[in-house]
Amino acid sequence: KRPFAIFYYIITHNIRITRELNNIQLEQGSADEEVGQDVVLRQQKLIADCDRFFVKNVSLLKSIDPASDIQLLSDGMLKQPHMLLSSHQEIYLEKMLVELKAMNNDLEILAEKLPRIMQL
């Protein structure tokens, strides 16, 4: 594996995450059918998981580049009730979570290997 491939992977994750956010936005409107509490709880968990991995990724970015000035929402800002997602939006959110997890893994690899890469 070439040492700079990890940067390509991270850029690719960013593109995919952006695509899923755009898909969620384009899928206007919320679910029309009557939904149970289990659906609401599942969606809230998905959103919380995405938020958790986003924060983890930003923390890793800060450790990789301490000079970066990345500001996050303060804790509790995401606690507002969310709009009920359509089934398509929920699928896009699940795909985004997969990308956030994969990005987290690649950022952990980058954080570990960056000093060696920079010496090349």
Protein backbone atom coordinates (compact mmCIF):
# COMPACT_ATOMS: atom_id res chain seq x y z
CA LYS A 1 0.00 0.00 0.00
CA ARG A 2 1.34 3.41 -0.93
CA PRO A 3 1.63 5.77 2.03
CA PHE A 4 -0.47 8.51 0.48
CA ALA A 5 -3.43 6.27 -0.35
CA ILE A 6 -4.89 6.97 3.11
CA PHE A 7 -5.42 10.63 2.10
CA TYR A 8 -7.36 9.49 -0.96
CA TYR A 9 -9.53 7.23 1.20
CA ILE A 10 -10.35 10.07 3.59
CA ILE A 11 -11.28 12.39 0.71
CA THR A 12 -13.47 9.63 -0.74
CA HIS A 13 -15.26 9.23 2.62
CA ASN A 14 -15.91 12.98 2.67
CA ILE A 15 -17.42 12.83 -0.81
CA ARG A 16 -19.67 9.92 0.13
CA ILE A 17 -20.80 11.57 3.37
CA THR A 18 -21.62 14.75 1.43
CA ARG A 19 -23.60 12.68 -1.10
CA GLU A 20 -25.68 11.09 1.66
CA LEU A 21 -26.34 14.47 3.30
CA ASN A 22 -27.48 15.82 -0.09
CA ASN A 23 -29.72 12.77 -0.60
CA ILE A 24 -31.33 13.31 2.81
CA GLN A 25 -31.91 16.97 1.97
CA LEU A 26 -33.32 16.20 -1.49
CA GLU A 27 -35.72 13.63 -0.10
CA GLN A 28 -38.13 16.33 1.04
CA GLY A 29 -40.84 15.67 3.55
CA SER A 30 -41.07 13.25 6.39
CA ALA A 31 -42.66 9.84 6.58
CA ASP A 32 -46.33 9.93 5.70
CA GLU A 33 -47.38 6.68 7.29
CA GLU A 34 -48.14 6.25 10.95
CA VAL A 35 -44.99 5.09 12.73
CA GLY A 36 -44.42 3.47 16.06
CA GLN A 37 -42.14 4.44 18.89
CA ASP A 38 -39.60 1.82 17.76
CA VAL A 39 -39.06 3.69 14.47
CA VAL A 40 -38.58 7.00 16.27
CA LEU A 41 -36.11 5.43 18.70
CA ARG A 42 -34.20 3.72 15.88
CA GLN A 43 -33.90 7.01 13.99
CA GLN A 44 -32.81 8.89 17.10
CA LYS A 45 -30.14 6.25 17.71
CA LEU A 46 -28.92 6.53 14.11
CA ILE A 47 -28.66 10.30 14.41
CA ALA A 48 -26.88 10.04 17.77
CA ASP A 49 -24.44 7.46 16.34
CA CYS A 50 -23.68 9.70 13.36
CA ASP A 51 -23.12 12.62 15.72
CA ARG A 52 -20.84 10.53 17.95
CA PHE A 53 -18.65 9.39 15.04
CA PHE A 54 -18.58 12.91 13.60
CA VAL A 55 -17.27 14.23 16.93
CA LYS A 56 -14.74 11.37 17.13
CA ASN A 57 -13.54 12.19 13.61
CA VAL A 58 -13.16 15.88 14.39
CA SER A 59 -11.22 14.99 17.56
CA LEU A 60 -8.88 12.82 15.50
CA LEU A 61 -8.43 15.65 12.99
CA LYS A 62 -7.50 17.96 15.85
CA SER A 63 -4.91 15.45 17.08
CA ILE A 64 -3.48 15.14 13.55
CA ASP A 65 -3.38 18.92 13.07
CA PRO A 66 -3.32 20.68 16.45
CA ALA A 67 -3.20 24.07 14.72
CA SER A 68 -6.65 23.54 13.21
CA ASP A 69 -9.45 25.68 14.56
CA ILE A 70 -12.47 23.41 14.22
CA GLN A 71 -15.47 24.44 16.28
CA LEU A 72 -18.21 21.97 17.23
CA LEU A 73 -21.64 22.54 18.65
CA SER A 74 -21.56 22.51 22.39
CA ASP A 75 -22.85 19.41 24.09
CA GLY A 76 -26.62 19.27 24.17
CA MET A 77 -27.23 21.28 21.01
CA LEU A 78 -28.32 18.13 19.15
CA LYS A 79 -30.86 17.16 21.80
CA GLN A 80 -33.67 18.92 19.96
CA PRO A 81 -36.39 16.60 18.67
CA HIS A 82 -35.78 15.64 15.10
CA MET A 83 -38.13 15.51 12.17
CA LEU A 84 -39.31 12.00 11.39
CA LEU A 85 -37.31 10.65 8.45
CA SER A 86 -38.75 8.85 5.47
CA SER A 87 -37.58 5.30 4.82
CA HIS A 88 -35.28 6.59 2.05
CA GLN A 89 -33.78 9.22 4.33
CA GLU A 90 -33.17 6.57 6.97
CA ILE A 91 -31.29 4.44 4.42
CA TYR A 92 -29.14 7.44 3.47
CA LEU A 93 -28.44 8.04 7.16
CA GLU A 94 -27.38 4.40 7.59
CA LYS A 95 -25.01 4.74 4.61
CA MET A 96 -23.60 7.92 6.12
CA LEU A 97 -22.96 6.12 9.41
CA VAL A 98 -21.04 3.41 7.55
CA GLU A 99 -18.88 6.10 5.92
CA LEU A 100 -18.32 7.93 9.21
CA LYS A 101 -17.16 4.68 10.83
CA ALA A 102 -14.85 3.87 7.91
CA MET A 103 -13.48 7.41 7.99
CA ASN A 104 -12.86 7.07 11.71
CA ASN A 105 -10.87 3.92 11.09
CA ASP A 106 -8.79 5.61 8.38
CA LEU A 107 -8.21 8.70 10.52
CA GLU A 108 -6.95 6.47 13.34
CA ILE A 109 -4.52 4.85 10.88
CA LEU A 110 -3.44 8.28 9.63
CA ALA A 111 -2.92 9.59 13.17
CA GLU A 112 -0.72 6.60 13.91
CA LYS A 113 1.29 6.69 10.67
CA LEU A 114 1.48 10.42 9.93
CA PRO A 115 4.89 11.03 11.53
CA ARG A 116 6.39 8.29 9.39
CA ILE A 117 4.59 9.46 6.23
CA MET A 118 5.84 13.01 6.71
CA GLN A 119 9.43 11.75 6.75
CA LEU A 120 9.12 10.33 3.21
